[in-house]
Amino acid sequence: MTDRESARDALLPSAGAAPQHPGYETKDAPVGRIFLIGLGLLTLIVVVMGVMWVLFNTFTGHAPHPVNPPSAMMEQNVLPPEPRLQPDPAADLQKFLASEDSLLNSYGWVNKKSGIARIPIDSAMKLALKNGLPVRETGKEIER
């Protein structure tokens, strides 16, 4: 018998022998100790809350008064450097949307030298219905 087999046999119970350990806890949890720990934690919480209440009430009455007067810069109405925040974002959005709508609903040149123009969306949809959409021929590959 090798050392490995003898170690395995020592760990495994032999057939018919009663197991040395039943495989579960044989004692209950100490309820009294658990209750005392919970009670101690509750007492600690109450004591800490009481100390905090006393500290807050003590320090509220002793709030420091400002020693220096406010800065003269606070009274001046100086604009910060650019870029600044929007003073009226709703009006800026309305102005932006109006400019976008005017671009989408008017004729104009995108690139006059190349002959690229823009047309209103309604006209573009009517042209697409009239002429149809471009279709790639089958069997041809796309040039890259």
N, C-alpha and C. Protein backbone atom coordinates (compact mmCIF):
# COMPACT_ATOMS: atom_id res chain seq x y z
N MET A 1 0.85 -1.16 0.00
CA MET A 1 0.00 0.00 0.00
C MET A 1 0.91 1.23 0.00
N THR A 2 0.60 2.17 -0.86
CA THR A 2 1.43 3.38 -0.97
C THR A 2 1.00 4.39 0.08
N ASP A 3 1.82 5.42 0.22
CA ASP A 3 1.50 6.47 1.18
C ASP A 3 0.22 7.20 0.80
N ARG A 4 0.00 7.34 -0.47
CA ARG A 4 -1.20 8.03 -0.93
C ARG A 4 -2.45 7.24 -0.55
N GLU A 5 -2.43 5.98 -0.77
CA GLU A 5 -3.60 5.14 -0.44
C GLU A 5 -3.84 5.09 1.06
N SER A 6 -2.80 5.04 1.85
CA SER A 6 -2.99 4.99 3.31
C SER A 6 -3.54 6.33 3.81
N ALA A 7 -3.12 7.45 3.22
CA ALA A 7 -3.65 8.76 3.62
C ALA A 7 -5.11 8.87 3.23
N ARG A 8 -5.46 8.34 2.04
CA ARG A 8 -6.86 8.38 1.61
C ARG A 8 -7.72 7.53 2.52
N ASP A 9 -7.25 6.36 2.87
CA ASP A 9 -8.02 5.48 3.75
C ASP A 9 -8.18 6.06 5.15
N ALA A 10 -7.20 6.81 5.61
CA ALA A 10 -7.29 7.43 6.93
C ALA A 10 -8.35 8.52 6.94
N LEU A 11 -8.54 9.20 5.80
CA LEU A 11 -9.52 10.28 5.72
C LEU A 11 -10.93 9.76 5.51
N LEU A 12 -11.08 8.72 4.72
CA LEU A 12 -12.40 8.18 4.41
C LEU A 12 -12.80 7.17 5.49
N PRO A 13 -14.07 7.23 5.93
CA PRO A 13 -14.50 6.22 6.92
C PRO A 13 -14.62 4.86 6.26
N SER A 14 -14.30 3.87 6.99
CA SER A 14 -14.39 2.51 6.44
C SER A 14 -15.85 2.07 6.43
N ALA A 15 -16.14 1.09 5.61
CA ALA A 15 -17.52 0.62 5.46
C ALA A 15 -18.00 0.04 6.79
N GLY A 16 -19.19 0.45 7.20
CA GLY A 16 -19.77 -0.08 8.42
C GLY A 16 -19.37 0.69 9.67
N ALA A 17 -18.38 1.55 9.59
CA ALA A 17 -17.95 2.32 10.77
C ALA A 17 -18.81 3.57 10.89
N ALA A 18 -19.12 3.94 12.10
CA ALA A 18 -19.92 5.15 12.34
C ALA A 18 -19.05 6.38 12.08
N PRO A 19 -19.59 7.40 11.43
CA PRO A 19 -18.79 8.60 11.16
C PRO A 19 -18.45 9.32 12.46
N GLN A 20 -17.26 9.88 12.51
CA GLN A 20 -16.84 10.58 13.72
C GLN A 20 -17.57 11.91 13.87
N HIS A 21 -17.87 12.59 12.76
CA HIS A 21 -18.60 13.86 12.79
C HIS A 21 -19.93 13.68 12.07
N PRO A 22 -21.01 14.19 12.62
CA PRO A 22 -22.31 13.98 11.97
C PRO A 22 -22.48 14.80 10.69
N GLY A 23 -21.64 15.82 10.42
CA GLY A 23 -21.76 16.60 9.19
C GLY A 23 -22.60 17.85 9.33
N TYR A 24 -22.98 18.19 10.55
CA TYR A 24 -23.75 19.41 10.77
C TYR A 24 -23.41 19.93 12.16
N GLU A 25 -23.88 21.14 12.45
CA GLU A 25 -23.63 21.74 13.77
C GLU A 25 -24.40 20.97 14.83
N THR A 26 -23.75 20.61 15.88
CA THR A 26 -24.42 19.87 16.95
C THR A 26 -24.86 20.79 18.08
N LYS A 27 -24.37 22.05 18.08
CA LYS A 27 -24.77 23.01 19.12
C LYS A 27 -25.53 24.15 18.48
N ASP A 28 -26.46 24.73 19.23
CA ASP A 28 -27.20 25.90 18.77
C ASP A 28 -26.33 27.14 18.95
N ALA A 29 -26.70 28.20 18.24
CA ALA A 29 -26.01 29.48 18.39
C ALA A 29 -26.33 30.04 19.76
N PRO A 30 -25.36 30.71 20.41
CA PRO A 30 -25.60 31.26 21.74
C PRO A 30 -26.53 32.48 21.65
N VAL A 31 -27.82 32.27 21.89
CA VAL A 31 -28.83 33.31 21.75
C VAL A 31 -28.56 34.46 22.73
N GLY A 32 -28.15 34.14 23.93
CA GLY A 32 -27.89 35.18 24.93
C GLY A 32 -26.78 36.12 24.50
N ARG A 33 -25.71 35.57 23.94
CA ARG A 33 -24.60 36.41 23.48
C ARG A 33 -25.02 37.29 22.31
N ILE A 34 -25.75 36.71 21.39
CA ILE A 34 -26.22 37.48 20.23
C ILE A 34 -27.12 38.62 20.69
N PHE A 35 -28.01 38.36 21.65
CA PHE A 35 -28.88 39.39 22.19
C PHE A 35 -28.06 40.50 22.87
N LEU A 36 -27.04 40.12 23.63
CA LEU A 36 -26.20 41.12 24.30
C LEU A 36 -25.41 41.96 23.29
N ILE A 37 -24.92 41.35 22.22
CA ILE A 37 -24.21 42.10 21.19
C ILE A 37 -25.16 43.11 20.52
N GLY A 38 -26.37 42.69 20.19
CA GLY A 38 -27.36 43.58 19.59
C GLY A 38 -27.71 44.73 20.53
N LEU A 39 -27.90 44.41 21.80
CA LEU A 39 -28.21 45.44 22.79
C LEU A 39 -27.04 46.42 22.93
N GLY A 40 -25.82 45.90 22.91
CA GLY A 40 -24.64 46.77 22.99
C GLY A 40 -24.55 47.70 21.78
N LEU A 41 -24.82 47.18 20.58
CA LEU A 41 -24.81 48.02 19.38
C LEU A 41 -25.88 49.10 19.43
N LEU A 42 -27.08 48.73 19.88
CA LEU A 42 -28.16 49.70 20.01
C LEU A 42 -27.79 50.79 21.02
N THR A 43 -27.19 50.41 22.14
CA THR A 43 -26.77 51.39 23.15
C THR A 43 -25.70 52.31 22.57
N LEU A 44 -24.75 51.75 21.82
CA LEU A 44 -23.71 52.56 21.21
C LEU A 44 -24.29 53.58 20.23
N ILE A 45 -25.26 53.16 19.44
CA ILE A 45 -25.90 54.07 18.49
C ILE A 45 -26.59 55.21 19.21
N VAL A 46 -27.32 54.90 20.28
CA VAL A 46 -28.03 55.94 21.03
C VAL A 46 -27.04 56.90 21.67
N VAL A 47 -25.94 56.39 22.23
CA VAL A 47 -24.94 57.26 22.86
C VAL A 47 -24.29 58.17 21.82
N VAL A 48 -23.94 57.63 20.65
CA VAL A 48 -23.32 58.45 19.61
C VAL A 48 -24.29 59.52 19.13
N MET A 49 -25.55 59.17 18.97
CA MET A 49 -26.54 60.17 18.55
C MET A 49 -26.68 61.27 19.61
N GLY A 50 -26.66 60.91 20.87
CA GLY A 50 -26.75 61.91 21.93
C GLY A 50 -25.54 62.83 21.92
N VAL A 51 -24.34 62.28 21.75
CA VAL A 51 -23.14 63.10 21.70
C VAL A 51 -23.20 64.05 20.51
N MET A 52 -23.64 63.56 19.36
CA MET A 52 -23.76 64.42 18.18
C MET A 52 -24.77 65.54 18.40
N TRP A 53 -25.89 65.25 19.05
CA TRP A 53 -26.90 66.27 19.32
C TRP A 53 -26.31 67.36 20.22
N VAL A 54 -25.58 66.95 21.26
CA VAL A 54 -24.96 67.93 22.16
C VAL A 54 -23.94 68.77 21.41
N LEU A 55 -23.11 68.15 20.56
CA LEU A 55 -22.11 68.89 19.80
C LEU A 55 -22.74 69.88 18.83
N PHE A 56 -23.77 69.47 18.13
CA PHE A 56 -24.43 70.38 17.20
C PHE A 56 -25.03 71.58 17.94
N ASN A 57 -25.69 71.32 19.04
CA ASN A 57 -26.29 72.43 19.79
C ASN A 57 -25.22 73.34 20.38
N THR A 58 -24.10 72.79 20.78
CA THR A 58 -23.02 73.60 21.35
C THR A 58 -22.39 74.47 20.27
N PHE A 59 -22.07 73.88 19.12
CA PHE A 59 -21.38 74.64 18.08
C PHE A 59 -22.29 75.60 17.33
N THR A 60 -23.60 75.37 17.34
CA THR A 60 -24.51 76.29 16.67
C THR A 60 -24.50 77.64 17.38
N GLY A 61 -24.41 77.65 18.69
CA GLY A 61 -24.39 78.91 19.43
C GLY A 61 -23.07 79.64 19.31
N HIS A 62 -22.01 79.00 18.87
CA HIS A 62 -20.70 79.60 18.78
C HIS A 62 -20.25 79.76 17.33
N ALA A 63 -21.15 80.12 16.44
CA ALA A 63 -20.80 80.28 15.03
C ALA A 63 -19.85 81.46 14.89
N PRO A 64 -18.77 81.32 14.13
CA PRO A 64 -17.82 82.43 13.99
C PRO A 64 -18.41 83.56 13.16
N HIS A 65 -18.07 84.77 13.54
CA HIS A 65 -18.51 85.94 12.79
C HIS A 65 -17.42 86.29 11.79
N PRO A 66 -17.80 86.79 10.62
CA PRO A 66 -16.78 87.14 9.63
C PRO A 66 -15.88 88.26 10.14
N VAL A 67 -14.59 88.02 10.10
CA VAL A 67 -13.62 89.00 10.59
C VAL A 67 -13.37 90.07 9.53
N ASN A 68 -13.24 89.65 8.27
CA ASN A 68 -12.96 90.59 7.19
C ASN A 68 -14.25 91.00 6.51
N PRO A 69 -14.37 92.24 6.07
CA PRO A 69 -15.55 92.65 5.31
C PRO A 69 -15.53 91.98 3.94
N PRO A 70 -16.68 91.89 3.27
CA PRO A 70 -16.70 91.27 1.95
C PRO A 70 -15.79 92.02 0.97
N SER A 71 -15.30 91.33 0.00
CA SER A 71 -14.38 91.90 -0.98
C SER A 71 -15.08 92.96 -1.83
N ALA A 72 -14.34 93.95 -2.24
CA ALA A 72 -14.90 95.00 -3.11
C ALA A 72 -15.25 94.44 -4.47
N MET A 73 -14.62 93.34 -4.85
CA MET A 73 -14.91 92.71 -6.15
C MET A 73 -16.33 92.16 -6.20
N MET A 74 -16.89 91.86 -5.05
CA MET A 74 -18.25 91.31 -5.01
C MET A 74 -19.26 92.37 -5.41
N GLU A 75 -18.96 93.62 -5.15
CA GLU A 75 -19.91 94.69 -5.43
C GLU A 75 -19.82 95.16 -6.88
N GLN A 76 -18.71 94.91 -7.55
CA GLN A 76 -18.56 95.32 -8.94
C GLN A 76 -19.27 94.33 -9.85
N ASN A 77 -19.82 94.86 -10.94
CA ASN A 77 -20.52 94.01 -11.89
C ASN A 77 -19.61 93.83 -13.12
N VAL A 78 -18.59 92.97 -12.99
CA VAL A 78 -17.61 92.75 -14.04
C VAL A 78 -17.98 91.47 -14.79
N LEU A 79 -18.00 91.57 -16.12
CA LEU A 79 -18.31 90.38 -16.92
C LEU A 79 -17.08 89.48 -16.98
N PRO A 80 -17.26 88.18 -16.87
CA PRO A 80 -16.13 87.26 -16.98
C PRO A 80 -15.66 87.20 -18.43
N PRO A 81 -14.47 86.68 -18.67
CA PRO A 81 -13.99 86.56 -20.06
C PRO A 81 -14.80 85.55 -20.84
N GLU A 82 -14.68 85.64 -22.17
CA GLU A 82 -15.38 84.70 -23.05
C GLU A 82 -14.83 83.31 -22.86
N PRO A 83 -15.50 82.26 -23.11
CA PRO A 83 -16.91 82.14 -23.44
C PRO A 83 -17.77 82.21 -22.18
N ARG A 84 -18.89 82.88 -22.28
CA ARG A 84 -19.79 83.05 -21.15
C ARG A 84 -20.95 82.06 -21.27
N LEU A 85 -21.66 81.87 -20.18
CA LEU A 85 -22.85 81.03 -20.22
C LEU A 85 -23.95 81.75 -20.98
N GLN A 86 -24.91 80.99 -21.49
CA GLN A 86 -26.01 81.60 -22.21
C GLN A 86 -26.93 82.32 -21.23
N PRO A 87 -27.22 83.60 -21.47
CA PRO A 87 -28.15 84.29 -20.56
C PRO A 87 -29.59 83.83 -20.74
N ASP A 88 -29.97 83.45 -22.00
CA ASP A 88 -31.34 83.01 -22.25
C ASP A 88 -31.29 81.80 -23.19
N PRO A 89 -31.11 80.58 -22.64
CA PRO A 89 -30.96 79.40 -23.50
C PRO A 89 -32.20 79.11 -24.34
N ALA A 90 -33.39 79.39 -23.82
CA ALA A 90 -34.61 79.10 -24.58
C ALA A 90 -34.68 79.96 -25.83
N ALA A 91 -34.35 81.24 -25.72
CA ALA A 91 -34.37 82.13 -26.88
C ALA A 91 -33.29 81.72 -27.88
N ASP A 92 -32.12 81.33 -27.39
CA ASP A 92 -31.05 80.89 -28.27
C ASP A 92 -31.46 79.63 -29.04
N LEU A 93 -32.15 78.72 -28.36
CA LEU A 93 -32.61 77.51 -29.02
C LEU A 93 -33.65 77.84 -30.09
N GLN A 94 -34.58 78.74 -29.80
CA GLN A 94 -35.59 79.13 -30.78
C GLN A 94 -34.94 79.75 -32.01
N LYS A 95 -33.93 80.60 -31.79
CA LYS A 95 -33.23 81.24 -32.90
C LYS A 95 -32.49 80.19 -33.74
N PHE A 96 -31.86 79.22 -33.07
CA PHE A 96 -31.15 78.15 -33.78
C PHE A 96 -32.12 77.31 -34.61
N LEU A 97 -33.26 76.92 -34.01
CA LEU A 97 -34.23 76.10 -34.73
C LEU A 97 -34.83 76.85 -35.92
N ALA A 98 -35.05 78.16 -35.77
CA ALA A 98 -35.58 78.96 -36.88
C ALA A 98 -34.57 79.00 -38.03
N SER A 99 -33.28 79.15 -37.71
CA SER A 99 -32.28 79.17 -38.79
C SER A 99 -32.18 77.80 -39.47
N GLU A 100 -32.29 76.72 -38.71
CA GLU A 100 -32.27 75.39 -39.30
C GLU A 100 -33.48 75.16 -40.19
N ASP A 101 -34.66 75.60 -39.74
CA ASP A 101 -35.87 75.45 -40.56
C ASP A 101 -35.76 76.24 -41.85
N SER A 102 -35.18 77.43 -41.77
CA SER A 102 -35.05 78.22 -43.00
C SER A 102 -34.10 77.52 -43.99
N LEU A 103 -33.06 76.86 -43.49
CA LEU A 103 -32.16 76.12 -44.38
C LEU A 103 -32.86 74.91 -45.00
N LEU A 104 -33.70 74.23 -44.19
CA LEU A 104 -34.36 73.02 -44.69
C LEU A 104 -35.50 73.31 -45.66
N ASN A 105 -36.05 74.52 -45.62
CA ASN A 105 -37.23 74.84 -46.42
C ASN A 105 -36.97 75.92 -47.46
N SER A 106 -35.71 76.07 -47.92
CA SER A 106 -35.41 77.09 -48.92
C SER A 106 -34.40 76.52 -49.92
N TYR A 107 -34.32 77.23 -51.06
CA TYR A 107 -33.35 76.89 -52.09
C TYR A 107 -32.06 77.64 -51.80
N GLY A 108 -30.93 77.06 -52.17
CA GLY A 108 -29.66 77.74 -51.99
C GLY A 108 -28.51 76.89 -52.49
N TRP A 109 -27.35 77.51 -52.59
CA TRP A 109 -26.16 76.80 -53.03
C TRP A 109 -25.41 76.24 -51.85
N VAL A 110 -25.01 74.98 -51.95
CA VAL A 110 -24.11 74.37 -50.98
C VAL A 110 -22.69 74.65 -51.43
N ASN A 111 -22.43 74.39 -52.74
CA ASN A 111 -21.13 74.68 -53.35
C ASN A 111 -21.40 75.08 -54.79
N LYS A 112 -21.33 76.39 -55.05
CA LYS A 112 -21.70 76.90 -56.37
C LYS A 112 -20.72 76.45 -57.46
N LYS A 113 -19.42 76.37 -57.12
CA LYS A 113 -18.42 75.95 -58.11
C LYS A 113 -18.65 74.52 -58.57
N SER A 114 -19.05 73.64 -57.63
CA SER A 114 -19.28 72.23 -57.98
C SER A 114 -20.69 71.99 -58.49
N GLY A 115 -21.55 73.00 -58.40
CA GLY A 115 -22.92 72.85 -58.86
C GLY A 115 -23.80 72.08 -57.90
N ILE A 116 -23.47 72.11 -56.59
CA ILE A 116 -24.27 71.40 -55.59
C ILE A 116 -25.20 72.40 -54.93
N ALA A 117 -26.50 72.12 -55.02
CA ALA A 117 -27.51 73.02 -54.46
C ALA A 117 -28.37 72.26 -53.47
N ARG A 118 -29.05 73.01 -52.64
CA ARG A 118 -30.00 72.39 -51.71
C ARG A 118 -31.40 72.82 -52.13
N ILE A 119 -32.35 71.90 -51.89
CA ILE A 119 -33.74 72.18 -52.19
C ILE A 119 -34.56 71.87 -50.96
N PRO A 120 -35.78 72.42 -50.87
CA PRO A 120 -36.62 72.12 -49.70
C PRO A 120 -36.95 70.63 -49.62
N ILE A 121 -37.21 70.17 -48.42
CA ILE A 121 -37.47 68.75 -48.18
C ILE A 121 -38.69 68.27 -48.95
N ASP A 122 -39.76 69.08 -48.97
CA ASP A 122 -40.97 68.66 -49.69
C ASP A 122 -40.68 68.45 -51.17
N SER A 123 -39.91 69.35 -51.77
CA SER A 123 -39.55 69.20 -53.19
C SER A 123 -38.69 67.96 -53.40
N ALA A 124 -37.77 67.70 -52.49
CA ALA A 124 -36.91 66.52 -52.62
C ALA A 124 -37.72 65.23 -52.53
N MET A 125 -38.71 65.19 -51.65
CA MET A 125 -39.55 63.98 -51.54
C MET A 125 -40.40 63.79 -52.79
N LYS A 126 -40.92 64.89 -53.36
CA LYS A 126 -41.71 64.78 -54.60
C LYS A 126 -40.84 64.28 -55.75
N LEU A 127 -39.61 64.80 -55.82
CA LEU A 127 -38.70 64.34 -56.89
C LEU A 127 -38.35 62.86 -56.70
N ALA A 128 -38.16 62.43 -55.45
CA ALA A 128 -37.84 61.03 -55.20
C ALA A 128 -38.99 60.13 -55.59
N LEU A 129 -40.24 60.56 -55.35
CA LEU A 129 -41.40 59.76 -55.75
C LEU A 129 -41.54 59.73 -57.27
N LYS A 130 -41.28 60.86 -57.90
CA LYS A 130 -41.43 60.95 -59.36
C LYS A 130 -40.35 60.16 -60.09
N ASN A 131 -39.09 60.35 -59.69
CA ASN A 131 -37.98 59.72 -60.40
C ASN A 131 -37.57 58.37 -59.83
N GLY A 132 -37.95 58.09 -58.60
CA GLY A 132 -37.54 56.86 -57.95
C GLY A 132 -36.16 57.01 -57.34
N LEU A 133 -35.81 56.10 -56.47
CA LEU A 133 -34.52 56.15 -55.81
C LEU A 133 -33.50 55.41 -56.66
N PRO A 134 -32.24 55.81 -56.60
CA PRO A 134 -31.22 55.10 -57.40
C PRO A 134 -31.04 53.68 -56.88
N VAL A 135 -30.89 52.75 -57.84
CA VAL A 135 -30.74 51.34 -57.51
C VAL A 135 -29.42 50.85 -58.10
N ARG A 136 -28.69 50.09 -57.35
CA ARG A 136 -27.43 49.52 -57.83
C ARG A 136 -27.75 48.32 -58.70
N GLU A 137 -27.03 48.23 -59.79
CA GLU A 137 -27.23 47.08 -60.67
C GLU A 137 -26.67 45.84 -60.01
N THR A 138 -27.33 44.72 -60.17
CA THR A 138 -26.87 43.48 -59.55
C THR A 138 -25.62 42.99 -60.25
N GLY A 139 -24.72 42.46 -59.50
CA GLY A 139 -23.49 41.91 -60.04
C GLY A 139 -22.36 42.90 -60.12
N LYS A 140 -22.64 44.17 -60.01
CA LYS A 140 -21.57 45.17 -60.04
C LYS A 140 -21.10 45.44 -58.62
N GLU A 141 -19.81 45.65 -58.51
CA GLU A 141 -19.25 45.97 -57.20
C GLU A 141 -19.16 47.48 -57.05
N ILE A 142 -19.20 47.91 -55.81
CA ILE A 142 -19.10 49.34 -55.52
C ILE A 142 -17.65 49.76 -55.66
N GLU A 143 -17.44 50.90 -56.37
CA GLU A 143 -16.08 51.41 -56.52
C GLU A 143 -15.65 52.05 -55.20
N ARG A 144 -14.41 51.79 -54.86
CA ARG A 144 -13.92 52.36 -53.61
C ARG A 144 -12.82 53.32 -53.89
